[in-house]
Amino acid sequence: MLISNQERKEFAENPKYYEEVGSDRMKIKVIRADEVGKAMKEKRQREGKSMIIELRALVLNKKKEFKHKISHSKDRDYGVHYGIFTGMDRFKNHMWYRILLDREQIVINLNDPEDVKKLPVIAMHPSIQGSPMGQYEDPIMYVFDPKEDSMKSLNKLDLIPKVTEFINKLKAKDLIRFARYVNIPVSSEMDIDMIKGRLADMGINDPREFINLVNAKDRNYHEVLTTALEIGEIVDDAEKGFVFNGVYLGASREEVIDKMKNEDGLLNGIILKIQNNDKILIDLIESEEAFNSKSKKVKEQKPKEKRSEEKVAEDNTGVKGLTLE
């Protein structure tokens, strides 16, 4: 999104950024495109964003010429018109400068004063994907920011190792709970590696969101609740609310979590039910134990080596949360 709600509010309330134009009966608030564009450019500079913005066609149709024009749009939340006002015609109608979108890839250069004036008009127009007024018209182009896109890729590279580290440390019981918590479908046909693979796909696709889920408040309680609901130990009844063993827990997930946090007996009782009745979890734990037992026998056949302090520290590291730095 090229323009924030805070900016729109400022542009609508500060006379520096708008003027009233038209006849007494037809006066409307219109942005001062040069001032608004300048303010948007300066904000991008402060944030270290590129002065080059690309617009790209959403759908490429080689059989039809790509040729569109946009003039203005109204911010329906704040009542300001975003356009480059050019005057009134002889019928007292407002006239606007038309911005030509005649190529499937258009460059907006904010070092060019004319393009600076076009920026707020483009940012608000519903034909541009991500516009605050986008719900009023089908978009034809989207914004591609080369620098921002590159930064996202670099951030991904920094965060992906944290994602894989977290996934690899998950034991079977933690793996199942976390997978269900993040809406990864888990079935009896899946083994540990398959589930980790699904989590890895999710984490690589959007590592920041994945890490946010890992660090979410009360994650462990939500994991227990999600698994209990999945296997039917807790029932979400439309009329009765959340029920466990015939006991009412609350009308919302938040109420259930609060109850679990404040009643140790309740939490332990739910976990015990999961351990005894979660068939997928039981099978995976058995599979994990069999693998570990086999690996242990193989290691015992090899000469014993002194374990490094680094290895001991690694084994004692938990899987609680991750940092975004």
Protein backbone atom coordinates (compact mmCIF):
# COMPACT_ATOMS: atom_id res chain seq x y z
CA MET A 1 0.00 0.00 0.00
CA LEU A 2 1.45 3.34 -1.07
CA ILE A 3 -0.54 5.51 1.35
CA SER A 4 -1.40 4.91 5.00
CA ASN A 5 -4.58 5.75 6.89
CA GLN A 6 -2.61 8.17 9.05
CA GLU A 7 -1.45 10.06 5.96
CA ARG A 8 -4.97 10.21 4.52
CA LYS A 9 -6.27 11.65 7.79
CA GLU A 10 -3.51 14.27 7.83
CA PHE A 11 -4.14 15.25 4.20
CA ALA A 12 -7.87 15.66 4.90
CA GLU A 13 -7.47 17.76 8.05
CA ASN A 14 -4.48 19.99 7.31
CA PRO A 15 -5.31 22.90 4.92
CA LYS A 16 -1.73 22.72 3.69
CA TYR A 17 -2.67 19.58 1.80
CA TYR A 18 -6.11 20.43 0.38
CA GLU A 19 -8.16 23.23 -1.15
CA GLU A 20 -11.86 23.75 -1.77
CA VAL A 21 -12.73 24.20 -5.42
CA GLY A 22 -15.86 24.69 -7.53
CA SER A 23 -18.95 26.87 -7.34
CA ASP A 24 -20.64 27.69 -4.06
CA ARG A 25 -23.15 24.89 -4.58
CA MET A 26 -20.57 22.38 -5.84
CA LYS A 27 -17.53 23.00 -3.65
CA ILE A 28 -15.41 19.93 -2.98
CA LYS A 29 -12.17 19.28 -1.09
CA VAL A 30 -9.31 18.41 -3.45
CA ILE A 31 -5.75 17.55 -2.52
CA ARG A 32 -2.94 19.91 -3.42
CA ALA A 33 -1.22 17.22 -5.47
CA ASP A 34 2.22 18.82 -5.33
CA GLU A 35 2.20 19.18 -1.52
CA VAL A 36 0.69 15.75 -0.88
CA GLY A 37 3.06 14.11 -3.34
CA LYS A 38 6.02 15.87 -1.73
CA ALA A 39 4.96 14.69 1.77
CA MET A 40 4.58 11.09 0.51
CA LYS A 41 7.98 11.24 -1.17
CA GLU A 42 9.66 12.55 2.00
CA LYS A 43 8.09 9.76 4.05
CA ARG A 44 9.49 7.18 1.63
CA GLN A 45 12.92 8.82 1.94
CA ARG A 46 12.78 8.65 5.74
CA GLU A 47 11.86 4.98 5.55
CA GLY A 48 14.71 4.25 3.15
CA LYS A 49 12.39 3.25 0.32
CA SER A 50 13.16 3.55 -3.37
CA MET A 51 12.35 6.67 -5.34
CA ILE A 52 11.46 4.39 -8.25
CA ILE A 53 8.04 2.72 -8.20
CA GLU A 54 6.82 0.33 -10.86
CA LEU A 55 3.24 -0.34 -11.85
CA ARG A 56 2.69 -3.70 -13.49
CA ALA A 57 -0.38 -5.10 -15.22
CA LEU A 58 -2.25 -7.72 -13.22
CA VAL A 59 -3.44 -9.63 -16.28
CA LEU A 60 -1.53 -9.71 -19.54
CA ASN A 61 -3.80 -9.96 -22.58
CA LYS A 62 -1.74 -10.09 -25.76
CA LYS A 63 -4.88 -9.94 -27.92
CA LYS A 64 -6.02 -6.63 -26.46
CA GLU A 65 -4.14 -3.35 -26.28
CA PHE A 66 -3.37 -2.28 -22.72
CA LYS A 67 -4.63 1.30 -22.56
CA HIS A 68 -6.29 2.94 -19.57
CA LYS A 69 -6.70 6.41 -18.10
CA ILE A 70 -7.29 7.46 -14.51
CA SER A 71 -8.23 10.95 -13.38
CA HIS A 72 -9.40 11.14 -9.77
CA SER A 73 -11.06 9.25 -6.94
CA LYS A 74 -12.78 10.22 -3.73
CA ASP A 75 -11.54 9.11 -0.33
CA ARG A 76 -14.90 7.95 0.99
CA ASP A 77 -13.62 7.82 4.55
CA TYR A 78 -12.38 11.42 4.72
CA GLY A 79 -14.26 13.15 1.89
CA VAL A 80 -11.25 14.40 -0.07
CA HIS A 81 -10.83 14.01 -3.83
CA TYR A 82 -7.46 12.72 -5.03
CA GLY A 83 -6.73 14.15 -8.45
CA ILE A 84 -4.90 16.93 -10.26
CA PHE A 85 -7.61 19.58 -10.59
CA THR A 86 -7.42 21.65 -13.81
CA GLY A 87 -10.50 23.87 -13.52
CA MET A 88 -14.25 23.95 -14.29
CA ASP A 89 -15.81 23.40 -17.70
CA ARG A 90 -18.61 25.58 -19.12
CA PHE A 91 -21.19 23.35 -17.44
CA LYS A 92 -19.57 23.96 -14.03
CA ASN A 93 -18.19 20.42 -13.86
CA HIS A 94 -14.81 19.76 -12.29
CA MET A 95 -12.04 18.87 -14.73
CA TRP A 96 -9.08 16.64 -13.98
CA TYR A 97 -5.73 15.81 -15.49
CA ARG A 98 -5.81 12.29 -16.94
CA ILE A 99 -2.94 9.96 -16.16
CA LEU A 100 -2.31 7.54 -19.01
CA LEU A 101 -1.68 3.89 -18.18
CA ASP A 102 -0.83 2.66 -21.64
CA ARG A 103 1.88 0.09 -20.94
CA GLU A 104 1.94 -3.14 -18.98
CA GLN A 105 4.88 -1.80 -16.97
CA ILE A 106 5.06 1.86 -15.97
CA VAL A 107 7.81 3.54 -13.95
CA ILE A 108 7.03 6.34 -11.48
CA ASN A 109 10.21 8.33 -10.84
CA LEU A 110 9.86 10.43 -7.70
CA ASN A 111 12.87 12.50 -8.73
CA ASP A 112 10.58 13.95 -11.42
CA PRO A 113 8.25 16.69 -10.00
CA GLU A 114 5.46 15.66 -12.41
CA ASP A 115 5.55 12.08 -11.20
CA VAL A 116 5.54 13.31 -7.59
CA LYS A 117 2.16 14.97 -8.27
CA LYS A 118 0.82 11.77 -9.82
CA LEU A 119 1.83 9.62 -6.83
CA PRO A 120 -1.13 10.40 -4.50
CA VAL A 121 -3.61 10.07 -7.37
CA ILE A 122 -2.24 6.65 -8.27
CA ALA A 123 -2.00 5.58 -4.62
CA MET A 124 -5.71 6.21 -3.99
CA HIS A 125 -7.20 5.16 -7.31
CA PRO A 126 -9.23 1.92 -7.07
CA SER A 127 -7.76 0.58 -10.32
CA ILE A 128 -4.44 0.08 -8.49
CA GLN A 129 -4.28 -3.04 -6.34
CA GLY A 130 -3.86 -2.20 -2.65
CA SER A 131 -5.60 1.16 -2.89
CA PRO A 132 -7.72 2.05 0.18
CA MET A 133 -10.62 2.48 -2.26
CA GLY A 134 -9.91 -0.83 -3.99
CA GLN A 135 -13.24 -2.38 -3.05
CA TYR A 136 -15.05 -0.06 -5.44
CA GLU A 137 -13.41 -1.22 -8.65
CA ASP A 138 -11.51 -4.20 -10.05
CA PRO A 139 -7.78 -3.38 -10.13
CA ILE A 140 -5.82 -3.50 -13.37
CA MET A 141 -2.29 -2.86 -12.05
CA TYR A 142 -0.26 -3.54 -8.93
CA VAL A 143 2.67 -1.74 -7.32
CA PHE A 144 6.09 -3.34 -7.57
CA ASP A 145 8.81 -1.71 -5.48
CA PRO A 146 12.19 -3.13 -6.61
CA LYS A 147 14.04 -2.12 -3.44
CA GLU A 148 11.28 -3.26 -1.09
CA ASP A 149 10.98 -6.57 -2.92
CA SER A 150 14.74 -7.08 -2.64
CA MET A 151 14.68 -6.24 1.08
CA LYS A 152 11.90 -8.77 1.67
CA SER A 153 14.01 -11.44 -0.04
CA LEU A 154 17.04 -10.55 2.07
CA ASN A 155 14.94 -10.60 5.26
CA LYS A 156 13.68 -14.03 4.29
CA LEU A 157 17.24 -15.29 3.96
CA ASP A 158 18.03 -13.98 7.46
CA LEU A 159 14.95 -15.54 9.07
CA ILE A 160 14.75 -18.94 7.36
CA PRO A 161 17.63 -20.45 9.44
CA LYS A 162 15.69 -19.54 12.60
CA VAL A 163 12.63 -21.32 11.20
CA THR A 164 14.51 -24.52 10.36
CA GLU A 165 16.28 -24.48 13.74
CA PHE A 166 12.94 -24.30 15.55
CA ILE A 167 11.33 -27.06 13.46
CA ASN A 168 14.26 -29.43 13.84
CA LYS A 169 14.17 -29.14 17.64
CA LEU A 170 10.52 -30.15 17.91
CA LYS A 171 9.87 -33.56 19.46
CA ALA A 172 6.91 -35.61 18.25
CA LYS A 173 4.37 -34.32 20.82
CA ASP A 174 5.42 -30.70 20.32
CA LEU A 175 5.47 -31.15 16.55
CA ILE A 176 1.87 -32.39 16.36
CA ARG A 177 0.53 -29.67 18.64
CA PHE A 178 2.34 -26.88 16.83
CA ALA A 179 1.31 -28.15 13.38
CA ARG A 180 -2.34 -28.18 14.39
CA TYR A 181 -1.99 -24.77 16.02
CA VAL A 182 -0.79 -23.23 12.72
CA ASN A 183 -3.51 -25.05 10.74
CA ILE A 184 -1.29 -27.67 9.11
CA PRO A 185 -3.51 -30.75 8.52
CA VAL A 186 -2.12 -33.82 10.31
CA SER A 187 -3.22 -37.37 9.44
CA SER A 188 -2.26 -40.92 10.40
CA GLU A 189 -0.60 -41.36 7.00
CA MET A 190 2.01 -38.70 7.81
CA ASP A 191 5.32 -39.37 9.53
CA ILE A 192 7.51 -36.90 11.42
CA ASP A 193 9.50 -35.86 8.36
CA MET A 194 6.34 -35.17 6.35
CA ILE A 195 4.93 -32.92 9.06
CA LYS A 196 8.24 -31.09 9.41
CA GLY A 197 8.29 -30.68 5.64
CA ARG A 198 4.84 -29.03 5.68
CA LEU A 199 5.97 -26.69 8.46
CA ALA A 200 9.16 -25.88 6.54
CA ASP A 201 7.12 -24.98 3.43
CA MET A 202 5.03 -22.61 5.52
CA GLY A 203 8.04 -21.08 7.25
CA ILE A 204 10.02 -20.56 4.05
CA ASN A 205 7.04 -18.96 2.33
CA ASP A 206 6.58 -16.36 5.10
CA PRO A 207 9.26 -16.71 7.80
CA ARG A 208 8.28 -13.53 9.64
CA GLU A 209 4.67 -14.62 10.08
CA PHE A 210 5.87 -18.09 11.11
CA ILE A 211 8.15 -16.63 13.80
CA ASN A 212 5.32 -14.38 15.00
CA LEU A 213 3.20 -17.50 15.51
CA VAL A 214 6.03 -19.16 17.42
CA ASN A 215 6.36 -16.15 19.71
CA ALA A 216 2.62 -15.55 20.10
CA LYS A 217 1.32 -14.95 23.60
CA ASP A 218 0.01 -18.10 25.32
CA ARG A 219 1.05 -20.23 22.33
CA ASN A 220 1.45 -23.39 24.42
CA TYR A 221 -2.07 -23.07 25.81
CA HIS A 222 -3.48 -22.51 22.34
CA GLU A 223 -1.64 -25.60 21.10
CA VAL A 224 -3.21 -27.75 23.83
CA LEU A 225 -6.67 -26.32 23.18
CA THR A 226 -6.40 -26.80 19.41
CA THR A 227 -5.34 -30.44 19.77
CA ALA A 228 -8.04 -31.14 22.37
CA LEU A 229 -10.65 -29.74 19.97
CA GLU A 230 -9.16 -31.69 17.06
CA ILE A 231 -9.49 -35.07 18.80
CA GLY A 232 -12.84 -34.26 20.42
CA GLU A 233 -11.74 -34.09 24.05
CA ILE A 234 -13.04 -30.51 24.21
CA VAL A 235 -16.29 -29.83 22.37
CA ASP A 236 -17.20 -26.46 20.88
CA ASP A 237 -20.98 -26.45 21.16
CA ALA A 238 -22.82 -23.64 19.38
CA GLU A 239 -25.26 -23.28 22.28
CA LYS A 240 -23.30 -24.48 25.31
CA GLY A 241 -19.87 -23.08 24.43
CA PHE A 242 -16.64 -25.00 25.10
CA VAL A 243 -17.14 -28.13 27.21
CA PHE A 244 -14.62 -30.62 28.67
CA ASN A 245 -15.81 -33.78 30.43
CA GLY A 246 -19.23 -32.17 30.83
CA VAL A 247 -17.72 -29.07 32.44
CA TYR A 248 -18.35 -25.65 30.91
CA LEU A 249 -15.06 -23.85 30.13
CA GLY A 250 -16.27 -20.64 28.50
CA ALA A 251 -17.97 -19.08 25.50
CA SER A 252 -14.74 -18.17 23.66
CA ARG A 253 -11.24 -19.51 23.18
CA GLU A 254 -9.92 -16.61 25.27
CA GLU A 255 -12.13 -17.62 28.22
CA VAL A 256 -10.94 -21.23 27.93
CA ILE A 257 -7.28 -20.13 27.84
CA ASP A 258 -7.78 -17.98 30.96
CA LYS A 259 -9.33 -20.94 32.76
CA MET A 260 -6.48 -23.24 31.73
CA LYS A 261 -3.90 -20.70 32.95
CA ASN A 262 -5.55 -20.33 36.34
CA GLU A 263 -6.47 -23.95 37.02
CA ASP A 264 -3.51 -26.33 36.94
CA GLY A 265 -5.73 -29.32 37.47
CA LEU A 266 -7.75 -28.49 34.36
CA LEU A 267 -4.68 -28.07 32.14
CA ASN A 268 -3.11 -31.30 33.41
CA GLY A 269 -6.38 -33.15 32.93
CA ILE A 270 -6.66 -32.02 29.29
CA ILE A 271 -3.02 -32.93 28.57
CA LEU A 272 -3.53 -36.38 30.12
CA LYS A 273 -6.55 -36.98 27.90
CA ILE A 274 -4.53 -35.97 24.85
CA GLN A 275 -1.65 -38.28 25.78
CA ASN A 276 -4.02 -41.23 26.24
CA ASN A 277 -6.40 -40.67 23.32
CA ASP A 278 -4.56 -38.86 20.52
CA LYS A 279 -3.95 -41.85 18.21
CA ILE A 280 -1.81 -39.89 15.74
CA LEU A 281 0.35 -38.53 18.57
CA ILE A 282 0.75 -41.96 20.18
CA ASP A 283 1.83 -43.55 16.89
CA LEU A 284 4.34 -40.77 16.16
CA ILE A 285 5.85 -40.96 19.64
CA GLU A 286 6.27 -44.72 19.25
CA SER A 287 7.88 -44.19 15.86
CA GLU A 288 10.21 -41.56 17.29
CA GLU A 289 11.18 -43.80 20.24
CA ALA A 290 11.87 -46.74 17.91
CA PHE A 291 14.10 -44.55 15.74
CA ASN A 292 15.95 -43.14 18.76
CA SER A 293 16.45 -46.65 20.18
CA LYS A 294 17.90 -47.85 16.89
CA SER A 295 20.17 -44.81 16.65
CA LYS A 296 21.36 -45.37 20.23
CA LYS A 297 22.38 -48.96 19.48
CA VAL A 298 24.34 -47.82 16.44
CA LYS A 299 26.15 -45.20 18.52
CA GLU A 300 26.98 -47.71 21.25
CA GLN A 301 28.78 -49.86 18.71
CA LYS A 302 31.09 -46.95 17.86
CA PRO A 303 34.01 -45.83 20.10
CA LYS A 304 32.80 -43.37 22.70
CA GLU A 305 33.92 -39.80 22.16
CA LYS A 306 34.03 -36.95 24.64
CA ARG A 307 31.08 -34.67 24.01
CA SER A 308 31.94 -31.07 23.41
CA GLU A 309 30.51 -28.28 25.54
CA GLU A 310 28.86 -26.99 22.39
CA LYS A 311 26.95 -30.25 21.91
CA VAL A 312 25.81 -30.37 25.54
CA ALA A 313 24.55 -26.79 25.27
CA GLU A 314 22.72 -27.68 22.07
CA ASP A 315 20.89 -30.61 23.70
CA ASN A 316 19.78 -28.44 26.60
CA THR A 317 18.35 -25.71 24.35
CA GLY A 318 14.57 -25.47 24.47
CA VAL A 319 12.12 -24.66 21.68
CA LYS A 320 10.33 -21.81 23.38
CA GLY A 321 10.61 -18.87 21.01
CA LEU A 322 12.62 -17.10 18.35
CA THR A 323 13.99 -13.62 17.92
CA LEU A 324 13.41 -11.49 14.85
CA GLU A 325 16.81 -9.77 14.99
